N, C-alpha and C. Protein backbone atom coordinates (compact mmCIF):
# COMPACT_ATOMS: atom_id res chain seq x y z
N MET A 1 0.85 -1.19 0.00
CA MET A 1 0.00 0.00 0.00
C MET A 1 0.89 1.25 0.00
N THR A 2 0.51 2.26 -0.78
CA THR A 2 1.26 3.50 -0.83
C THR A 2 0.78 4.45 0.24
N SER A 3 1.69 4.99 1.06
CA SER A 3 1.29 5.93 2.11
C SER A 3 1.04 7.30 1.50
N LEU A 4 0.17 8.06 2.14
CA LEU A 4 -0.17 9.39 1.67
C LEU A 4 0.71 10.42 2.36
N GLY A 5 1.33 11.29 1.58
CA GLY A 5 2.11 12.36 2.17
C GLY A 5 3.50 11.90 2.57
N ARG A 6 4.34 12.88 2.80
CA ARG A 6 5.72 12.60 3.18
C ARG A 6 5.81 12.50 4.70
N PRO A 7 6.57 11.53 5.25
CA PRO A 7 6.69 11.42 6.70
C PRO A 7 7.29 12.68 7.30
N ARG A 8 6.92 13.00 8.52
CA ARG A 8 7.49 14.14 9.20
C ARG A 8 8.96 13.86 9.52
N ALA A 9 9.80 14.89 9.35
CA ALA A 9 11.22 14.70 9.59
C ALA A 9 11.58 14.76 11.06
N LYS A 10 10.66 15.29 11.89
CA LYS A 10 10.97 15.45 13.31
C LYS A 10 10.00 14.69 14.20
N GLY A 11 9.53 13.56 13.71
CA GLY A 11 8.65 12.74 14.53
C GLY A 11 7.19 13.13 14.37
N PRO A 12 6.30 12.40 15.05
CA PRO A 12 4.87 12.65 14.92
C PRO A 12 4.47 14.01 15.47
N SER A 13 3.37 14.54 14.93
CA SER A 13 2.88 15.85 15.37
C SER A 13 2.39 15.78 16.81
N LYS A 14 2.80 16.76 17.61
CA LYS A 14 2.33 16.84 18.99
C LYS A 14 0.94 17.46 19.08
N SER A 15 0.53 18.11 18.00
CA SER A 15 -0.76 18.81 18.00
C SER A 15 -1.94 17.89 17.70
N GLY A 16 -1.65 16.75 17.08
CA GLY A 16 -2.72 15.87 16.64
C GLY A 16 -3.25 16.23 15.27
N LEU A 17 -2.72 17.31 14.68
CA LEU A 17 -3.14 17.73 13.35
C LEU A 17 -2.31 17.02 12.28
N SER A 18 -2.76 17.11 11.05
CA SER A 18 -1.95 16.59 9.95
C SER A 18 -0.76 17.53 9.74
N THR A 19 0.24 17.05 9.01
CA THR A 19 1.41 17.90 8.74
C THR A 19 1.00 19.16 8.00
N GLU A 20 0.13 19.01 7.02
CA GLU A 20 -0.33 20.18 6.26
C GLU A 20 -1.01 21.19 7.17
N GLN A 21 -1.85 20.72 8.07
CA GLN A 21 -2.53 21.62 9.01
C GLN A 21 -1.54 22.27 9.96
N ASP A 22 -0.55 21.52 10.42
CA ASP A 22 0.48 22.11 11.28
C ASP A 22 1.20 23.25 10.57
N ILE A 23 1.48 23.08 9.29
CA ILE A 23 2.15 24.13 8.51
C ILE A 23 1.27 25.37 8.44
N LEU A 24 0.00 25.16 8.15
CA LEU A 24 -0.92 26.30 8.03
C LEU A 24 -1.08 27.03 9.35
N VAL A 25 -1.20 26.29 10.44
CA VAL A 25 -1.34 26.91 11.76
C VAL A 25 -0.09 27.70 12.12
N ALA A 26 1.06 27.11 11.88
CA ALA A 26 2.32 27.78 12.21
C ALA A 26 2.50 29.04 11.36
N ALA A 27 2.19 28.94 10.07
CA ALA A 27 2.35 30.08 9.18
C ALA A 27 1.38 31.20 9.55
N ALA A 28 0.15 30.84 9.86
CA ALA A 28 -0.84 31.86 10.25
C ALA A 28 -0.34 32.65 11.45
N ARG A 29 0.19 31.94 12.42
CA ARG A 29 0.68 32.62 13.63
C ARG A 29 1.85 33.54 13.29
N LEU A 30 2.79 33.05 12.50
CA LEU A 30 3.96 33.85 12.15
C LEU A 30 3.59 35.04 11.27
N PHE A 31 2.72 34.83 10.28
CA PHE A 31 2.32 35.93 9.41
C PHE A 31 1.65 37.04 10.22
N CYS A 32 0.83 36.65 11.19
CA CYS A 32 0.08 37.65 11.97
C CYS A 32 0.95 38.31 13.04
N GLU A 33 1.92 37.58 13.56
CA GLU A 33 2.73 38.14 14.65
C GLU A 33 4.03 38.76 14.18
N ALA A 34 4.67 38.16 13.17
CA ALA A 34 5.96 38.66 12.71
C ALA A 34 5.86 39.41 11.39
N GLY A 35 4.69 39.32 10.74
CA GLY A 35 4.53 39.92 9.42
C GLY A 35 4.90 38.93 8.33
N TYR A 36 4.32 39.12 7.16
CA TYR A 36 4.60 38.20 6.06
C TYR A 36 6.08 38.20 5.70
N GLY A 37 6.68 39.38 5.64
CA GLY A 37 8.09 39.47 5.29
C GLY A 37 9.01 38.86 6.32
N GLY A 38 8.58 38.85 7.57
CA GLY A 38 9.41 38.33 8.64
C GLY A 38 9.25 36.84 8.88
N ALA A 39 8.35 36.22 8.13
CA ALA A 39 8.09 34.78 8.31
C ALA A 39 8.75 34.00 7.17
N SER A 40 9.96 33.54 7.39
CA SER A 40 10.67 32.77 6.37
C SER A 40 10.15 31.33 6.36
N THR A 41 10.44 30.62 5.28
CA THR A 41 10.03 29.22 5.22
C THR A 41 10.75 28.40 6.29
N HIS A 42 11.98 28.82 6.62
CA HIS A 42 12.72 28.13 7.69
C HIS A 42 11.97 28.27 9.03
N LYS A 43 11.50 29.50 9.33
CA LYS A 43 10.78 29.74 10.58
C LYS A 43 9.45 29.01 10.59
N ILE A 44 8.78 28.98 9.45
CA ILE A 44 7.49 28.28 9.38
C ILE A 44 7.69 26.79 9.65
N ALA A 45 8.67 26.21 8.99
CA ALA A 45 8.94 24.77 9.17
C ALA A 45 9.30 24.48 10.63
N ALA A 46 10.14 25.32 11.21
CA ALA A 46 10.55 25.10 12.60
C ALA A 46 9.35 25.19 13.53
N ALA A 47 8.48 26.18 13.30
CA ALA A 47 7.30 26.34 14.15
C ALA A 47 6.33 25.18 13.99
N ALA A 48 6.32 24.58 12.81
CA ALA A 48 5.44 23.43 12.55
C ALA A 48 6.05 22.13 13.04
N GLY A 49 7.33 22.17 13.45
CA GLY A 49 7.99 20.97 13.95
C GLY A 49 8.43 20.02 12.86
N ILE A 50 8.76 20.58 11.68
CA ILE A 50 9.17 19.76 10.55
C ILE A 50 10.41 20.37 9.89
N SER A 51 10.98 19.66 8.94
CA SER A 51 12.09 20.20 8.18
C SER A 51 11.56 21.03 7.01
N GLN A 52 12.41 21.88 6.45
CA GLN A 52 12.00 22.65 5.27
C GLN A 52 11.67 21.71 4.11
N ALA A 53 12.44 20.63 3.99
CA ALA A 53 12.19 19.68 2.89
C ALA A 53 10.78 19.11 2.99
N THR A 54 10.35 18.80 4.20
CA THR A 54 8.99 18.28 4.39
C THR A 54 7.96 19.35 4.05
N MET A 55 8.22 20.58 4.47
CA MET A 55 7.28 21.66 4.17
C MET A 55 7.11 21.84 2.66
N TYR A 56 8.24 21.75 1.93
CA TYR A 56 8.17 21.94 0.49
C TYR A 56 7.44 20.79 -0.22
N HIS A 57 7.30 19.67 0.47
CA HIS A 57 6.50 18.58 -0.09
C HIS A 57 5.02 18.98 -0.16
N TYR A 58 4.59 19.82 0.77
CA TYR A 58 3.18 20.24 0.84
C TYR A 58 2.92 21.57 0.15
N PHE A 59 3.86 22.48 0.23
CA PHE A 59 3.69 23.81 -0.36
C PHE A 59 4.99 24.23 -1.04
N PRO A 60 4.90 24.81 -2.25
CA PRO A 60 6.12 25.22 -2.95
C PRO A 60 6.81 26.43 -2.32
N GLY A 61 6.11 27.14 -1.45
CA GLY A 61 6.69 28.32 -0.82
C GLY A 61 5.66 29.03 0.03
N LYS A 62 6.07 30.13 0.63
CA LYS A 62 5.14 30.78 1.56
C LYS A 62 4.01 31.52 0.86
N GLN A 63 4.18 31.85 -0.43
CA GLN A 63 3.06 32.43 -1.17
C GLN A 63 1.89 31.45 -1.23
N ALA A 64 2.20 30.20 -1.50
CA ALA A 64 1.16 29.18 -1.59
C ALA A 64 0.48 28.97 -0.24
N ILE A 65 1.25 29.08 0.83
CA ILE A 65 0.67 28.93 2.17
C ILE A 65 -0.27 30.08 2.46
N LEU A 66 0.18 31.30 2.18
CA LEU A 66 -0.67 32.47 2.42
C LEU A 66 -1.93 32.41 1.57
N LEU A 67 -1.80 31.98 0.32
CA LEU A 67 -2.98 31.87 -0.54
C LEU A 67 -3.98 30.91 0.07
N ARG A 68 -3.53 29.77 0.55
CA ARG A 68 -4.45 28.80 1.16
C ARG A 68 -5.15 29.41 2.38
N LEU A 69 -4.41 30.14 3.19
CA LEU A 69 -4.99 30.77 4.38
C LEU A 69 -6.02 31.82 3.99
N LEU A 70 -5.70 32.64 3.00
CA LEU A 70 -6.62 33.69 2.57
C LEU A 70 -7.90 33.10 1.99
N LEU A 71 -7.75 32.07 1.18
CA LEU A 71 -8.94 31.43 0.59
C LEU A 71 -9.86 30.86 1.66
N ALA A 72 -9.27 30.40 2.75
CA ALA A 72 -10.09 29.83 3.84
C ALA A 72 -10.91 30.90 4.55
N THR A 73 -10.55 32.19 4.38
CA THR A 73 -11.33 33.26 5.00
C THR A 73 -12.47 33.75 4.12
N VAL A 74 -12.49 33.29 2.86
CA VAL A 74 -13.52 33.82 1.95
C VAL A 74 -14.32 32.74 1.23
N ARG A 75 -13.71 31.61 0.92
CA ARG A 75 -14.42 30.60 0.14
C ARG A 75 -15.66 30.05 0.83
N PRO A 76 -15.62 29.76 2.13
CA PRO A 76 -16.86 29.30 2.77
C PRO A 76 -17.99 30.31 2.67
N SER A 77 -17.65 31.61 2.76
CA SER A 77 -18.68 32.64 2.63
C SER A 77 -19.21 32.71 1.20
N VAL A 78 -18.33 32.51 0.22
CA VAL A 78 -18.78 32.49 -1.18
C VAL A 78 -19.76 31.34 -1.39
N THR A 79 -19.41 30.16 -0.90
CA THR A 79 -20.29 29.00 -1.03
C THR A 79 -21.64 29.26 -0.37
N TYR A 80 -21.59 29.81 0.84
CA TYR A 80 -22.82 30.14 1.57
C TYR A 80 -23.63 31.18 0.81
N ALA A 81 -22.95 32.21 0.33
CA ALA A 81 -23.62 33.30 -0.38
C ALA A 81 -24.30 32.81 -1.64
N LEU A 82 -23.61 31.98 -2.42
CA LEU A 82 -24.20 31.48 -3.66
C LEU A 82 -25.39 30.57 -3.37
N GLY A 83 -25.34 29.87 -2.23
CA GLY A 83 -26.47 29.03 -1.84
C GLY A 83 -27.71 29.83 -1.50
N LEU A 84 -27.53 31.10 -1.13
CA LEU A 84 -28.68 31.95 -0.80
C LEU A 84 -29.56 32.23 -2.02
N ALA A 85 -28.95 32.15 -3.21
CA ALA A 85 -29.71 32.46 -4.43
C ALA A 85 -30.89 31.53 -4.63
N GLY A 86 -30.78 30.30 -4.13
CA GLY A 86 -31.85 29.34 -4.32
C GLY A 86 -32.87 29.32 -3.19
N ARG A 87 -32.76 30.25 -2.26
CA ARG A 87 -33.67 30.27 -1.11
C ARG A 87 -34.84 31.22 -1.37
N ASP A 88 -35.93 30.98 -0.66
CA ASP A 88 -37.14 31.76 -0.87
C ASP A 88 -37.30 32.95 0.08
N GLU A 89 -36.44 33.03 1.09
CA GLU A 89 -36.57 34.13 2.05
C GLU A 89 -36.37 35.48 1.38
N PRO A 90 -36.98 36.52 1.92
CA PRO A 90 -36.78 37.87 1.37
C PRO A 90 -35.31 38.28 1.39
N ALA A 91 -34.97 39.25 0.57
CA ALA A 91 -33.57 39.67 0.43
C ALA A 91 -32.98 40.16 1.74
N ASP A 92 -33.78 40.86 2.55
CA ASP A 92 -33.21 41.39 3.80
C ASP A 92 -32.88 40.25 4.78
N VAL A 93 -33.66 39.20 4.76
CA VAL A 93 -33.37 38.04 5.61
C VAL A 93 -32.08 37.37 5.15
N ARG A 94 -31.95 37.20 3.84
CA ARG A 94 -30.75 36.56 3.30
C ARG A 94 -29.50 37.41 3.53
N LEU A 95 -29.64 38.73 3.40
CA LEU A 95 -28.50 39.60 3.65
C LEU A 95 -28.08 39.54 5.11
N TRP A 96 -29.05 39.54 6.01
CA TRP A 96 -28.73 39.43 7.44
C TRP A 96 -27.97 38.13 7.70
N GLY A 97 -28.45 37.04 7.12
CA GLY A 97 -27.81 35.74 7.31
C GLY A 97 -26.39 35.72 6.77
N LEU A 98 -26.18 36.33 5.60
CA LEU A 98 -24.84 36.36 5.01
C LEU A 98 -23.89 37.19 5.86
N CYS A 99 -24.34 38.35 6.32
CA CYS A 99 -23.50 39.20 7.17
C CYS A 99 -23.07 38.45 8.43
N ALA A 100 -24.02 37.82 9.09
CA ALA A 100 -23.72 37.10 10.33
C ALA A 100 -22.75 35.95 10.07
N TYR A 101 -22.97 35.21 8.98
CA TYR A 101 -22.09 34.10 8.64
C TYR A 101 -20.67 34.60 8.37
N ASP A 102 -20.57 35.65 7.58
CA ASP A 102 -19.28 36.20 7.18
C ASP A 102 -18.49 36.70 8.39
N VAL A 103 -19.18 37.38 9.29
CA VAL A 103 -18.51 37.89 10.50
C VAL A 103 -18.01 36.72 11.35
N ARG A 104 -18.82 35.69 11.50
CA ARG A 104 -18.39 34.53 12.28
C ARG A 104 -17.14 33.89 11.67
N LEU A 105 -17.11 33.81 10.34
CA LEU A 105 -15.95 33.22 9.68
C LEU A 105 -14.70 34.07 9.92
N LEU A 106 -14.83 35.38 9.81
CA LEU A 106 -13.69 36.27 10.00
C LEU A 106 -13.20 36.29 11.44
N LEU A 107 -14.06 35.93 12.36
CA LEU A 107 -13.67 35.89 13.77
C LEU A 107 -13.27 34.49 14.23
N SER A 108 -13.30 33.53 13.32
CA SER A 108 -12.97 32.15 13.69
C SER A 108 -11.47 31.94 13.69
N GLY A 109 -11.03 30.92 14.39
CA GLY A 109 -9.61 30.58 14.42
C GLY A 109 -8.83 31.42 15.41
N ARG A 110 -7.67 30.94 15.77
CA ARG A 110 -6.85 31.63 16.76
C ARG A 110 -6.28 32.93 16.21
N ASP A 111 -5.93 32.95 14.93
CA ASP A 111 -5.23 34.10 14.35
C ASP A 111 -6.14 34.91 13.43
N ASN A 112 -5.89 36.20 13.38
CA ASN A 112 -6.70 37.14 12.60
C ASN A 112 -6.20 37.18 11.15
N ILE A 113 -6.46 36.11 10.41
CA ILE A 113 -5.95 36.00 9.04
C ILE A 113 -6.47 37.13 8.16
N GLY A 114 -7.68 37.61 8.42
CA GLY A 114 -8.24 38.70 7.62
C GLY A 114 -7.36 39.93 7.59
N ALA A 115 -6.55 40.14 8.63
CA ALA A 115 -5.66 41.30 8.67
C ALA A 115 -4.66 41.26 7.53
N LEU A 116 -4.41 40.06 7.00
CA LEU A 116 -3.46 39.92 5.90
C LEU A 116 -4.03 40.39 4.57
N TYR A 117 -5.33 40.69 4.52
CA TYR A 117 -5.91 41.29 3.31
C TYR A 117 -5.18 42.59 2.98
N LEU A 118 -4.65 43.24 4.01
CA LEU A 118 -4.14 44.60 3.87
C LEU A 118 -2.68 44.67 3.46
N ILE A 119 -1.98 43.55 3.42
CA ILE A 119 -0.56 43.62 3.08
C ILE A 119 -0.40 43.81 1.56
N PRO A 120 0.62 44.58 1.15
CA PRO A 120 0.77 44.88 -0.29
C PRO A 120 0.97 43.65 -1.16
N GLU A 121 1.54 42.59 -0.61
CA GLU A 121 1.82 41.38 -1.41
C GLU A 121 0.55 40.75 -1.97
N VAL A 122 -0.60 40.99 -1.33
CA VAL A 122 -1.86 40.39 -1.80
C VAL A 122 -2.24 40.94 -3.18
N GLY A 123 -1.64 42.04 -3.58
CA GLY A 123 -1.88 42.57 -4.93
C GLY A 123 -1.11 41.84 -6.01
N ASP A 124 -0.19 40.95 -5.62
CA ASP A 124 0.61 40.21 -6.60
C ASP A 124 -0.25 39.20 -7.37
N GLU A 125 0.23 38.83 -8.54
CA GLU A 125 -0.48 37.86 -9.39
C GLU A 125 -0.68 36.53 -8.68
N ALA A 126 0.23 36.19 -7.78
CA ALA A 126 0.13 34.92 -7.06
C ALA A 126 -1.17 34.80 -6.26
N PHE A 127 -1.77 35.95 -5.93
CA PHE A 127 -2.98 35.94 -5.10
C PHE A 127 -4.23 36.34 -5.89
N ALA A 128 -4.15 36.22 -7.22
CA ALA A 128 -5.29 36.56 -8.07
C ALA A 128 -6.51 35.70 -7.76
N GLU A 129 -6.28 34.44 -7.41
CA GLU A 129 -7.39 33.54 -7.10
C GLU A 129 -8.16 34.04 -5.88
N PHE A 130 -7.43 34.49 -4.87
CA PHE A 130 -8.09 35.05 -3.68
C PHE A 130 -8.89 36.30 -4.05
N ARG A 131 -8.29 37.19 -4.82
CA ARG A 131 -8.98 38.44 -5.18
C ARG A 131 -10.24 38.15 -5.98
N ALA A 132 -10.18 37.12 -6.84
CA ALA A 132 -11.36 36.75 -7.63
C ALA A 132 -12.48 36.23 -6.73
N GLU A 133 -12.13 35.40 -5.74
CA GLU A 133 -13.14 34.88 -4.81
C GLU A 133 -13.74 36.01 -3.97
N HIS A 134 -12.89 36.94 -3.56
CA HIS A 134 -13.35 38.09 -2.79
C HIS A 134 -14.33 38.92 -3.62
N ALA A 135 -14.03 39.06 -4.91
CA ALA A 135 -14.91 39.80 -5.81
C ALA A 135 -16.25 39.08 -6.01
N ARG A 136 -16.21 37.75 -6.04
CA ARG A 136 -17.46 36.98 -6.16
C ARG A 136 -18.35 37.21 -4.94
N LEU A 137 -17.72 37.24 -3.77
CA LEU A 137 -18.48 37.49 -2.55
C LEU A 137 -19.08 38.89 -2.57
N TYR A 138 -18.29 39.86 -2.98
CA TYR A 138 -18.78 41.24 -3.08
C TYR A 138 -19.98 41.32 -4.02
N ALA A 139 -19.94 40.58 -5.13
CA ALA A 139 -21.03 40.62 -6.10
C ALA A 139 -22.35 40.13 -5.50
N VAL A 140 -22.28 39.11 -4.63
CA VAL A 140 -23.50 38.63 -3.97
C VAL A 140 -24.02 39.69 -3.01
N TYR A 141 -23.12 40.31 -2.25
CA TYR A 141 -23.54 41.41 -1.39
C TYR A 141 -24.23 42.50 -2.22
N HIS A 142 -23.63 42.83 -3.35
CA HIS A 142 -24.19 43.88 -4.20
C HIS A 142 -25.61 43.53 -4.64
N ASP A 143 -25.82 42.30 -5.06
CA ASP A 143 -27.16 41.89 -5.51
C ASP A 143 -28.17 41.95 -4.36
N LEU A 144 -27.76 41.52 -3.17
CA LEU A 144 -28.68 41.52 -2.03
C LEU A 144 -28.97 42.96 -1.56
N VAL A 145 -27.93 43.77 -1.50
CA VAL A 145 -28.13 45.17 -1.08
C VAL A 145 -29.06 45.88 -2.06
N THR A 146 -28.86 45.63 -3.36
CA THR A 146 -29.72 46.24 -4.38
C THR A 146 -31.16 45.77 -4.23
N ALA A 147 -31.33 44.49 -3.93
CA ALA A 147 -32.68 43.95 -3.76
C ALA A 147 -33.36 44.55 -2.52
N VAL A 148 -32.58 44.80 -1.47
CA VAL A 148 -33.16 45.37 -0.24
C VAL A 148 -33.53 46.84 -0.43
N THR A 149 -32.65 47.59 -1.07
CA THR A 149 -32.86 49.04 -1.19
C THR A 149 -33.63 49.45 -2.44
N GLY A 150 -33.62 48.59 -3.45
CA GLY A 150 -34.25 48.94 -4.72
C GLY A 150 -33.41 49.89 -5.55
N VAL A 151 -32.17 50.11 -5.12
CA VAL A 151 -31.27 51.03 -5.82
C VAL A 151 -29.93 50.35 -6.07
N ASP A 152 -29.46 50.40 -7.31
CA ASP A 152 -28.17 49.80 -7.67
C ASP A 152 -27.09 50.85 -7.40
N ASP A 153 -26.51 50.79 -6.22
CA ASP A 153 -25.56 51.81 -5.80
C ASP A 153 -24.31 51.13 -5.25
N ALA A 154 -23.21 51.20 -6.02
CA ALA A 154 -21.98 50.54 -5.61
C ALA A 154 -21.43 51.13 -4.31
N ALA A 155 -21.66 52.41 -4.08
CA ALA A 155 -21.16 53.04 -2.86
C ALA A 155 -21.82 52.45 -1.62
N VAL A 156 -23.12 52.15 -1.73
CA VAL A 156 -23.83 51.57 -0.59
C VAL A 156 -23.34 50.15 -0.35
N THR A 157 -23.15 49.39 -1.43
CA THR A 157 -22.61 48.04 -1.26
C THR A 157 -21.23 48.08 -0.63
N GLY A 158 -20.41 49.02 -1.08
CA GLY A 158 -19.08 49.16 -0.50
C GLY A 158 -19.13 49.47 0.99
N LEU A 159 -20.10 50.29 1.38
CA LEU A 159 -20.28 50.63 2.80
C LEU A 159 -20.66 49.38 3.60
N VAL A 160 -21.58 48.60 3.07
CA VAL A 160 -22.01 47.37 3.75
C VAL A 160 -20.86 46.38 3.84
N PHE A 161 -20.18 46.15 2.74
CA PHE A 161 -19.07 45.20 2.71
C PHE A 161 -17.96 45.64 3.66
N GLY A 162 -17.69 46.93 3.67
CA GLY A 162 -16.67 47.46 4.57
C GLY A 162 -17.05 47.32 6.03
N LEU A 163 -18.34 47.48 6.30
CA LEU A 163 -18.82 47.34 7.68
C LEU A 163 -18.62 45.91 8.16
N VAL A 164 -18.95 44.94 7.32
CA VAL A 164 -18.75 43.53 7.68
C VAL A 164 -17.27 43.25 7.94
N GLU A 165 -16.42 43.70 7.04
CA GLU A 165 -14.99 43.39 7.16
C GLU A 165 -14.29 44.28 8.19
N SER A 166 -15.01 45.24 8.75
CA SER A 166 -14.41 46.07 9.82
C SER A 166 -14.07 45.23 11.05
N VAL A 167 -14.68 44.05 11.15
CA VAL A 167 -14.35 43.18 12.30
C VAL A 167 -12.88 42.75 12.27
N ILE A 168 -12.27 42.79 11.09
CA ILE A 168 -10.86 42.43 10.97
C ILE A 168 -10.01 43.41 11.78
N LEU A 169 -10.23 44.71 11.57
CA LEU A 169 -9.48 45.72 12.30
C LEU A 169 -9.87 45.74 13.77
N ARG A 170 -11.15 45.55 14.04
CA ARG A 170 -11.60 45.54 15.43
C ARG A 170 -10.95 44.38 16.19
N ARG A 171 -10.79 43.26 15.52
CA ARG A 171 -10.20 42.09 16.17
C ARG A 171 -8.74 42.34 16.53
N ARG A 172 -8.07 43.19 15.76
CA ARG A 172 -6.67 43.50 16.08
C ARG A 172 -6.57 44.20 17.43
N ALA A 173 -7.55 45.04 17.72
CA ALA A 173 -7.55 45.77 18.99
C ALA A 173 -8.20 44.97 20.12
N GLU A 174 -9.14 44.08 19.73
CA GLU A 174 -9.88 43.28 20.71
C GLU A 174 -9.81 41.80 20.31
N PRO A 175 -8.69 41.14 20.58
CA PRO A 175 -8.50 39.75 20.13
C PRO A 175 -9.54 38.77 20.63
N GLU A 176 -10.18 39.07 21.74
CA GLU A 176 -11.11 38.12 22.34
C GLU A 176 -12.57 38.40 21.96
N LEU A 177 -12.80 39.04 20.83
CA LEU A 177 -14.17 39.32 20.40
C LEU A 177 -15.01 38.04 20.36
N ASP A 178 -16.23 38.13 20.86
CA ASP A 178 -17.14 36.99 20.89
C ASP A 178 -18.01 36.99 19.64
N ALA A 179 -17.79 36.01 18.77
CA ALA A 179 -18.51 35.96 17.50
C ALA A 179 -20.02 35.86 17.71
N ASP A 180 -20.45 35.14 18.75
CA ASP A 180 -21.88 34.98 18.99
C ASP A 180 -22.56 36.29 19.34
N THR A 181 -21.80 37.24 19.86
CA THR A 181 -22.33 38.55 20.19
C THR A 181 -22.18 39.51 19.01
N VAL A 182 -20.99 39.51 18.41
CA VAL A 182 -20.67 40.49 17.37
C VAL A 182 -21.41 40.21 16.07
N ALA A 183 -21.53 38.94 15.66
CA ALA A 183 -22.13 38.62 14.36
C ALA A 183 -23.57 39.13 14.22
N PRO A 184 -24.48 38.82 15.15
CA PRO A 184 -25.84 39.34 15.01
C PRO A 184 -25.92 40.86 15.16
N ALA A 185 -25.07 41.43 16.03
CA ALA A 185 -25.08 42.88 16.21
C ALA A 185 -24.64 43.59 14.94
N LEU A 186 -23.63 43.06 14.27
CA LEU A 186 -23.17 43.69 13.05
C LEU A 186 -24.16 43.49 11.91
N ALA A 187 -24.79 42.32 11.86
CA ALA A 187 -25.82 42.09 10.84
C ALA A 187 -26.98 43.07 11.04
N ASP A 188 -27.35 43.31 12.29
CA ASP A 188 -28.38 44.32 12.59
C ASP A 188 -27.94 45.69 12.08
N ALA A 189 -26.67 46.03 12.34
CA ALA A 189 -26.15 47.34 11.95
C ALA A 189 -26.22 47.54 10.44
N VAL A 190 -25.91 46.49 9.69
CA VAL A 190 -25.99 46.58 8.23
C VAL A 190 -27.41 46.91 7.78
N LEU A 191 -28.38 46.21 8.35
CA LEU A 191 -29.77 46.45 7.95
C LEU A 191 -30.24 47.85 8.37
N ARG A 192 -29.71 48.34 9.48
CA ARG A 192 -30.06 49.70 9.91
C ARG A 192 -29.46 50.74 8.94
N VAL A 193 -28.24 50.48 8.48
CA VAL A 193 -27.62 51.36 7.48
C VAL A 193 -28.49 51.45 6.24
N LEU A 194 -29.13 50.33 5.90
CA LEU A 194 -30.00 50.29 4.72
C LEU A 194 -31.43 50.77 5.03
N ARG A 195 -31.61 51.29 6.25
CA ARG A 195 -32.87 51.89 6.69
C ARG A 195 -34.03 50.90 6.77
N VAL A 196 -33.68 49.68 7.13
CA VAL A 196 -34.73 48.70 7.40
C VAL A 196 -35.33 49.06 8.76
N PRO A 197 -36.65 49.22 8.87
CA PRO A 197 -37.28 49.62 10.14
C PRO A 197 -37.02 48.61 11.26
N GLU A 198 -36.96 49.11 12.49
CA GLU A 198 -36.70 48.25 13.64
C GLU A 198 -37.75 47.14 13.77
N GLN A 199 -39.00 47.50 13.46
CA GLN A 199 -40.07 46.49 13.55
C GLN A 199 -39.79 45.33 12.60
N ARG A 200 -39.33 45.67 11.39
CA ARG A 200 -39.00 44.65 10.40
C ARG A 200 -37.75 43.88 10.84
N LEU A 201 -36.82 44.58 11.45
CA LEU A 201 -35.58 43.96 11.88
C LEU A 201 -35.85 42.85 12.90
N LYS A 202 -36.75 43.09 13.79
CA LYS A 202 -37.10 42.07 14.79
C LYS A 202 -37.66 40.82 14.12
N LYS A 203 -38.48 41.03 13.11
CA LYS A 203 -39.09 39.89 12.42
C LYS A 203 -38.07 39.10 11.62
N LEU A 204 -37.20 39.80 10.93
CA LEU A 204 -36.26 39.08 10.05
C LEU A 204 -35.21 38.33 10.86
N ARG A 205 -34.88 38.83 12.06
CA ARG A 205 -33.95 38.10 12.93
C ARG A 205 -34.48 36.70 13.22
N ALA A 206 -35.78 36.62 13.42
CA ALA A 206 -36.40 35.33 13.73
C ALA A 206 -36.40 34.40 12.52
N GLN A 207 -36.38 35.00 11.32
CA GLN A 207 -36.40 34.20 10.08
C GLN A 207 -35.01 33.81 9.62
N ALA A 208 -34.00 34.54 10.09
CA ALA A 208 -32.65 34.33 9.59
C ALA A 208 -32.12 32.96 9.99
N PHE A 209 -31.10 32.52 9.31
CA PHE A 209 -30.58 31.16 9.46
C PHE A 209 -29.08 31.21 9.69
């Protein structure tokens, strides 16, 4: 039988995670704490408890690791957002649900990966896949915001999208943010920005998923 993956060079993982997961966890911590430029592949491998040779078996370099981490902050929301298109709930209910889901995802995990959206390297061609997924998510927000307001206004969509992603910066100042508290509160705030009446807001909260 052929084994899957390359054996770890420094013994079994103490974390209980797979080698690939150990690499991602170690890189996320280093990128967020030391900066992308300060996180060499040598440091990532050492933090993951493996050799560089083993790390290169899973990822060709730190660009590929960062891309995987960035995609994990947006792809689940894209999948969720696209699934909303087939639902029968009103647009404001679906928008509330998407905002809450997105905020929970951005607040998940030990490290604030969303903060890496802001580094200049994300503009490189190597991260085009992430930018495309981010744009797909924005497009769903745009369609829902337009459906709620009845006005096709990119500035309003940008305001809503920015409000959701503001949790990234807030998390930098408040690392222990509680997603169960922040997600519904921010979803409420989005609907208030769009001038959804409080009476309606109470009803749609009960319908949201």
